[in-house]
N, C-alpha and C. Protein backbone atom coordinates (compact mmCIF):
# COMPACT_ATOMS: atom_id res chain seq x y z
N MET A 1 0.86 -1.18 0.00
CA MET A 1 0.05 0.02 -0.02
C MET A 1 0.85 1.27 0.03
N ASN A 2 1.81 1.39 -1.00
CA ASN A 2 2.73 2.40 -1.02
C ASN A 2 2.98 2.77 -2.53
N GLY A 3 1.78 2.68 -3.38
CA GLY A 3 2.02 2.97 -4.89
C GLY A 3 1.45 4.37 -5.08
N PRO A 4 1.39 4.54 -6.47
CA PRO A 4 0.91 5.86 -6.82
C PRO A 4 -0.34 6.09 -6.55
N LEU A 5 -1.19 5.27 -6.44
CA LEU A 5 -2.67 5.56 -6.11
C LEU A 5 -2.85 6.03 -4.69
N GLU A 6 -1.97 5.55 -3.86
CA GLU A 6 -2.02 5.93 -2.38
C GLU A 6 -1.36 7.32 -2.32
N TRP A 7 -0.33 7.72 -3.08
CA TRP A 7 0.28 8.99 -3.09
C TRP A 7 -0.73 10.06 -3.62
N ILE A 8 -1.42 9.70 -4.74
CA ILE A 8 -2.47 10.62 -5.21
C ILE A 8 -3.45 10.95 -4.20
N ALA A 9 -3.95 9.89 -3.54
CA ALA A 9 -5.06 10.08 -2.45
C ALA A 9 -4.41 10.81 -1.23
N ALA A 10 -3.17 10.52 -0.87
CA ALA A 10 -2.66 11.30 0.22
C ALA A 10 -2.50 12.91 -0.13
N ILE A 11 -2.01 13.07 -1.26
CA ILE A 11 -1.71 14.52 -1.68
C ILE A 11 -3.06 15.28 -1.85
N GLY A 12 -4.05 14.48 -2.51
CA GLY A 12 -5.46 15.09 -2.53
C GLY A 12 -6.11 15.34 -1.22
N THR A 13 -5.85 14.46 -0.29
CA THR A 13 -6.43 14.64 1.08
C THR A 13 -5.80 15.92 1.69
N MET A 14 -4.48 16.00 1.55
CA MET A 14 -3.78 17.17 2.29
C MET A 14 -4.43 18.54 1.49
N ILE A 15 -4.62 18.65 0.17
CA ILE A 15 -5.09 19.79 -0.55
C ILE A 15 -6.47 20.01 -0.09
N ALA A 16 -7.25 18.98 0.04
CA ALA A 16 -8.72 19.17 0.36
C ALA A 16 -8.70 19.80 1.80
N ALA A 17 -7.97 19.18 2.68
CA ALA A 17 -8.05 19.69 3.99
C ALA A 17 -7.48 21.17 4.18
N GLY A 18 -6.46 21.49 3.27
CA GLY A 18 -6.00 22.88 3.13
C GLY A 18 -7.04 23.79 2.77
N LEU A 19 -7.86 23.44 1.68
CA LEU A 19 -8.96 24.28 1.15
C LEU A 19 -9.98 24.57 2.18
N ILE A 20 -10.30 23.46 3.11
CA ILE A 20 -11.41 23.67 4.03
C ILE A 20 -10.67 24.53 5.18
N ALA A 21 -9.61 24.24 5.62
CA ALA A 21 -8.99 24.94 6.68
C ALA A 21 -8.84 26.43 6.31
N ALA A 22 -8.31 26.71 5.12
CA ALA A 22 -8.06 28.20 4.69
C ALA A 22 -9.30 29.05 4.92
N ASP A 23 -10.54 28.47 4.91
CA ASP A 23 -11.67 29.37 5.09
C ASP A 23 -11.79 30.53 4.05
N LEU A 24 -11.66 29.99 2.77
CA LEU A 24 -11.58 31.03 1.57
C LEU A 24 -12.96 31.24 1.19
N GLY A 25 -14.04 30.81 1.83
CA GLY A 25 -15.47 31.08 1.49
C GLY A 25 -16.23 29.79 1.20
N ARG A 26 -17.43 29.82 1.01
CA ARG A 26 -18.29 28.61 0.98
C ARG A 26 -17.93 27.86 -0.46
N LYS A 27 -17.68 28.55 -1.50
CA LYS A 27 -17.40 27.78 -2.77
C LYS A 27 -16.09 27.02 -2.55
N ALA A 28 -15.02 27.68 -2.01
CA ALA A 28 -13.69 26.99 -1.90
C ALA A 28 -13.88 25.79 -0.88
N THR A 29 -14.77 25.99 0.14
CA THR A 29 -14.89 24.84 1.08
C THR A 29 -15.64 23.64 0.41
N GLY A 30 -16.70 24.18 -0.33
CA GLY A 30 -17.44 23.13 -1.25
C GLY A 30 -16.56 22.31 -2.09
N TRP A 31 -15.58 23.01 -2.75
CA TRP A 31 -14.72 22.25 -3.68
C TRP A 31 -13.72 21.38 -2.93
N GLY A 32 -13.46 21.88 -1.63
CA GLY A 32 -12.69 20.96 -0.79
C GLY A 32 -13.31 19.80 -0.46
N PHE A 33 -14.69 19.84 -0.20
CA PHE A 33 -15.50 18.54 0.01
C PHE A 33 -15.53 17.75 -1.31
N VAL A 34 -15.77 18.28 -2.42
CA VAL A 34 -15.70 17.55 -3.68
C VAL A 34 -14.34 16.71 -3.82
N LEU A 35 -13.17 17.44 -3.57
CA LEU A 35 -11.90 16.79 -3.67
C LEU A 35 -11.89 15.62 -2.50
N PHE A 36 -12.36 15.92 -1.37
CA PHE A 36 -12.32 14.81 -0.41
C PHE A 36 -13.22 13.61 -0.75
N CYS A 37 -14.23 13.92 -1.57
CA CYS A 37 -15.04 12.71 -2.00
C CYS A 37 -14.27 11.97 -3.02
N ALA A 38 -13.57 12.61 -3.97
CA ALA A 38 -12.83 11.99 -4.99
C ALA A 38 -11.59 11.15 -4.26
N VAL A 39 -10.96 11.66 -3.24
CA VAL A 39 -9.87 10.85 -2.63
C VAL A 39 -10.49 9.88 -1.85
N ALA A 40 -11.53 10.18 -1.28
CA ALA A 40 -12.18 8.91 -0.46
C ALA A 40 -12.47 7.70 -1.43
N ILE A 41 -12.87 8.03 -2.60
CA ILE A 41 -13.14 6.86 -3.54
C ILE A 41 -11.75 6.18 -3.91
N THR A 42 -10.83 6.94 -4.08
CA THR A 42 -9.49 6.55 -4.28
C THR A 42 -8.97 5.52 -3.14
N TRP A 43 -9.11 6.08 -1.96
CA TRP A 43 -8.76 5.25 -0.73
C TRP A 43 -9.54 3.97 -0.68
N ILE A 44 -10.86 4.10 -0.98
CA ILE A 44 -11.70 2.95 -1.04
C ILE A 44 -11.18 1.89 -1.98
N VAL A 45 -10.78 2.23 -3.26
CA VAL A 45 -10.35 1.32 -4.23
C VAL A 45 -8.92 0.75 -3.67
N SER A 46 -8.10 1.71 -3.17
CA SER A 46 -6.85 1.13 -2.65
C SER A 46 -7.03 0.25 -1.51
N GLY A 47 -7.88 0.46 -0.64
CA GLY A 47 -8.10 -0.51 0.53
C GLY A 47 -8.68 -1.76 0.11
N LEU A 48 -9.62 -1.81 -0.92
CA LEU A 48 -10.10 -3.00 -1.40
C LEU A 48 -9.11 -3.77 -2.18
N THR A 49 -8.40 -3.11 -2.95
CA THR A 49 -7.38 -3.87 -3.82
C THR A 49 -6.13 -4.42 -2.98
N SER A 50 -5.88 -3.80 -1.91
CA SER A 50 -4.77 -4.27 -1.06
C SER A 50 -5.10 -5.03 0.07
N GLY A 51 -6.47 -5.27 0.31
CA GLY A 51 -6.74 -5.95 1.49
C GLY A 51 -6.82 -5.15 2.79
N ALA A 52 -6.88 -3.97 2.63
CA ALA A 52 -6.86 -3.06 3.85
C ALA A 52 -8.39 -2.56 4.04
N MET A 53 -9.10 -3.49 4.63
CA MET A 53 -10.63 -3.12 4.90
C MET A 53 -10.73 -2.01 5.88
N PRO A 54 -10.08 -1.90 6.80
CA PRO A 54 -10.30 -0.68 7.65
C PRO A 54 -10.18 0.65 6.81
N ILE A 55 -9.25 0.79 6.10
CA ILE A 55 -9.08 1.94 5.17
C ILE A 55 -10.27 2.08 4.38
N ALA A 56 -10.80 1.04 3.68
CA ALA A 56 -11.80 1.16 2.76
C ALA A 56 -13.06 1.48 3.54
N ALA A 57 -13.44 0.87 4.74
CA ALA A 57 -14.59 1.01 5.44
C ALA A 57 -14.57 2.55 6.00
N MET A 58 -13.40 2.95 6.48
CA MET A 58 -13.40 4.29 7.11
C MET A 58 -13.71 5.32 5.82
N ASN A 59 -13.14 5.12 4.73
CA ASN A 59 -13.28 6.12 3.59
C ASN A 59 -14.69 5.98 3.00
N ALA A 60 -15.40 4.88 3.20
CA ALA A 60 -16.79 4.74 2.82
C ALA A 60 -17.67 5.66 3.58
N ILE A 61 -17.36 5.77 4.89
CA ILE A 61 -18.15 6.54 5.76
C ILE A 61 -17.79 8.02 5.60
N LEU A 62 -16.45 8.34 5.35
CA LEU A 62 -16.07 9.74 5.04
C LEU A 62 -16.55 10.14 3.70
N LEU A 63 -16.82 9.20 2.73
CA LEU A 63 -17.26 9.61 1.39
C LEU A 63 -18.79 10.04 1.57
N ALA A 64 -19.53 9.41 2.57
CA ALA A 64 -20.96 9.79 2.78
C ALA A 64 -20.91 11.27 3.46
N ILE A 65 -20.04 11.49 4.42
CA ILE A 65 -20.02 12.67 5.23
C ILE A 65 -19.57 13.78 4.34
N ASN A 66 -18.69 13.50 3.50
CA ASN A 66 -18.07 14.57 2.55
C ASN A 66 -19.09 14.95 1.50
N ALA A 67 -19.88 13.93 1.01
CA ALA A 67 -20.96 14.09 0.03
C ALA A 67 -22.01 15.01 0.55
N TRP A 68 -22.30 14.93 1.90
CA TRP A 68 -23.13 15.78 2.74
C TRP A 68 -22.54 17.20 2.72
N GLY A 69 -21.27 17.37 2.70
CA GLY A 69 -20.73 18.56 2.74
C GLY A 69 -20.77 19.30 1.38
N VAL A 70 -20.61 18.40 0.38
CA VAL A 70 -20.95 19.07 -0.94
C VAL A 70 -22.26 19.48 -1.18
N TRP A 71 -23.18 18.80 -0.57
CA TRP A 71 -24.70 19.29 -0.74
C TRP A 71 -24.80 20.55 0.02
N GLN A 72 -24.28 20.53 1.33
CA GLN A 72 -24.55 21.74 2.06
C GLN A 72 -23.79 22.99 1.41
N TYR A 73 -22.61 22.81 0.93
CA TYR A 73 -21.91 24.09 0.45
C TYR A 73 -22.11 24.36 -0.94
N LEU A 74 -22.40 23.45 -1.92
CA LEU A 74 -22.52 23.72 -3.35
C LEU A 74 -23.90 23.44 -3.94
N LEU A 75 -24.68 22.47 -3.50
CA LEU A 75 -25.73 22.05 -4.16
C LEU A 75 -27.19 22.50 -3.67
N SER A 76 -27.35 22.56 -2.27
CA SER A 76 -28.62 22.82 -1.68
C SER A 76 -29.15 24.23 -2.21
N PRO A 77 -30.27 24.33 -2.75
CA PRO A 77 -30.83 25.42 -3.28
C PRO A 77 -30.92 26.49 -2.14
N ARG A 78 -31.43 26.02 -0.98
CA ARG A 78 -31.48 27.04 0.07
C ARG A 78 -30.20 27.64 0.68
N ASN A 79 -29.28 26.93 0.65
CA ASN A 79 -27.90 27.30 1.06
C ASN A 79 -27.23 28.15 -0.19
N ARG A 80 -27.59 27.84 -1.47
CA ARG A 80 -27.18 28.57 -2.52
C ARG A 80 -27.73 30.07 -2.53
N ARG A 81 -29.01 30.06 -2.06
CA ARG A 81 -29.48 31.58 -1.97
C ARG A 81 -28.89 32.30 -0.75
N LYS A 82 -28.60 31.55 0.29
CA LYS A 82 -27.90 32.13 1.38
C LYS A 82 -26.36 32.73 0.87
N LEU A 83 -25.82 31.83 0.04
CA LEU A 83 -24.46 32.08 -0.30
C LEU A 83 -24.54 33.42 -1.28
N GLU A 84 -25.41 33.41 -2.11
CA GLU A 84 -25.60 34.67 -2.92
C GLU A 84 -25.78 35.89 -2.13
N LYS A 85 -26.57 35.83 -1.10
CA LYS A 85 -26.92 36.97 -0.35
C LYS A 85 -25.77 37.30 0.45
N LEU A 86 -24.89 36.26 0.98
CA LEU A 86 -23.74 36.55 1.83
C LEU A 86 -22.76 37.23 0.94
N GLU A 87 -22.60 36.78 -0.31
CA GLU A 87 -21.49 37.37 -1.23
C GLU A 87 -21.89 38.86 -1.49
N GLU A 88 -23.09 39.08 -1.69
CA GLU A 88 -23.55 40.56 -1.85
C GLU A 88 -23.24 41.44 -0.52
N LEU A 89 -23.51 40.90 0.50
CA LEU A 89 -23.14 41.57 1.75
C LEU A 89 -21.69 41.77 1.98
N GLU A 90 -20.97 40.68 1.54
CA GLU A 90 -19.40 40.82 1.69
C GLU A 90 -18.92 41.89 0.69
N GLU A 91 -19.47 41.95 -0.47
CA GLU A 91 -18.94 42.89 -1.38
C GLU A 91 -19.24 44.36 -0.81
N GLU A 92 -20.37 44.48 -0.23
CA GLU A 92 -20.99 45.85 0.29
C GLU A 92 -19.95 46.14 1.54
N ALA A 93 -19.76 45.19 2.36
CA ALA A 93 -18.86 45.34 3.59
C ALA A 93 -17.40 45.79 3.16
N GLU A 94 -16.89 45.20 2.06
CA GLU A 94 -15.65 45.44 1.64
C GLU A 94 -15.57 46.91 1.19
N ARG A 95 -16.62 47.27 0.39
CA ARG A 95 -16.65 48.74 -0.18
C ARG A 95 -16.66 49.78 1.08
N ASP A 96 -17.46 49.34 2.11
CA ASP A 96 -17.55 50.27 3.26
C ASP A 96 -16.21 50.41 4.00
N VAL A 97 -15.48 49.30 4.07
CA VAL A 97 -14.13 49.20 4.77
C VAL A 97 -13.14 49.99 3.92
N ASP A 98 -13.08 49.77 2.66
CA ASP A 98 -12.12 50.27 1.78
C ASP A 98 -12.37 51.76 1.46
N GLY A 99 -13.66 52.20 1.40
CA GLY A 99 -14.04 53.48 1.02
C GLY A 99 -14.25 54.51 2.12
């Protein structure tokens, strides 16, 4: 369990965690969750093909949790309306602070 698939998954996991930790806004956080979903699938494949069932099982659960994050941050119509309103307010606040 030390091949290119695992390295891709590990690097992707670090980038996704960085996107979420950086708090660059809802869209960036949402894309962090998308990346987490992709690498969770990679970890599941890796775990299943190498007999590492704990890794596969853990990432199956993480995939579900991260898919919920994608829904919350990128796909939910209600949250999308909130995001649009927040972006408008953010632009207004930046103009007030700068001007």
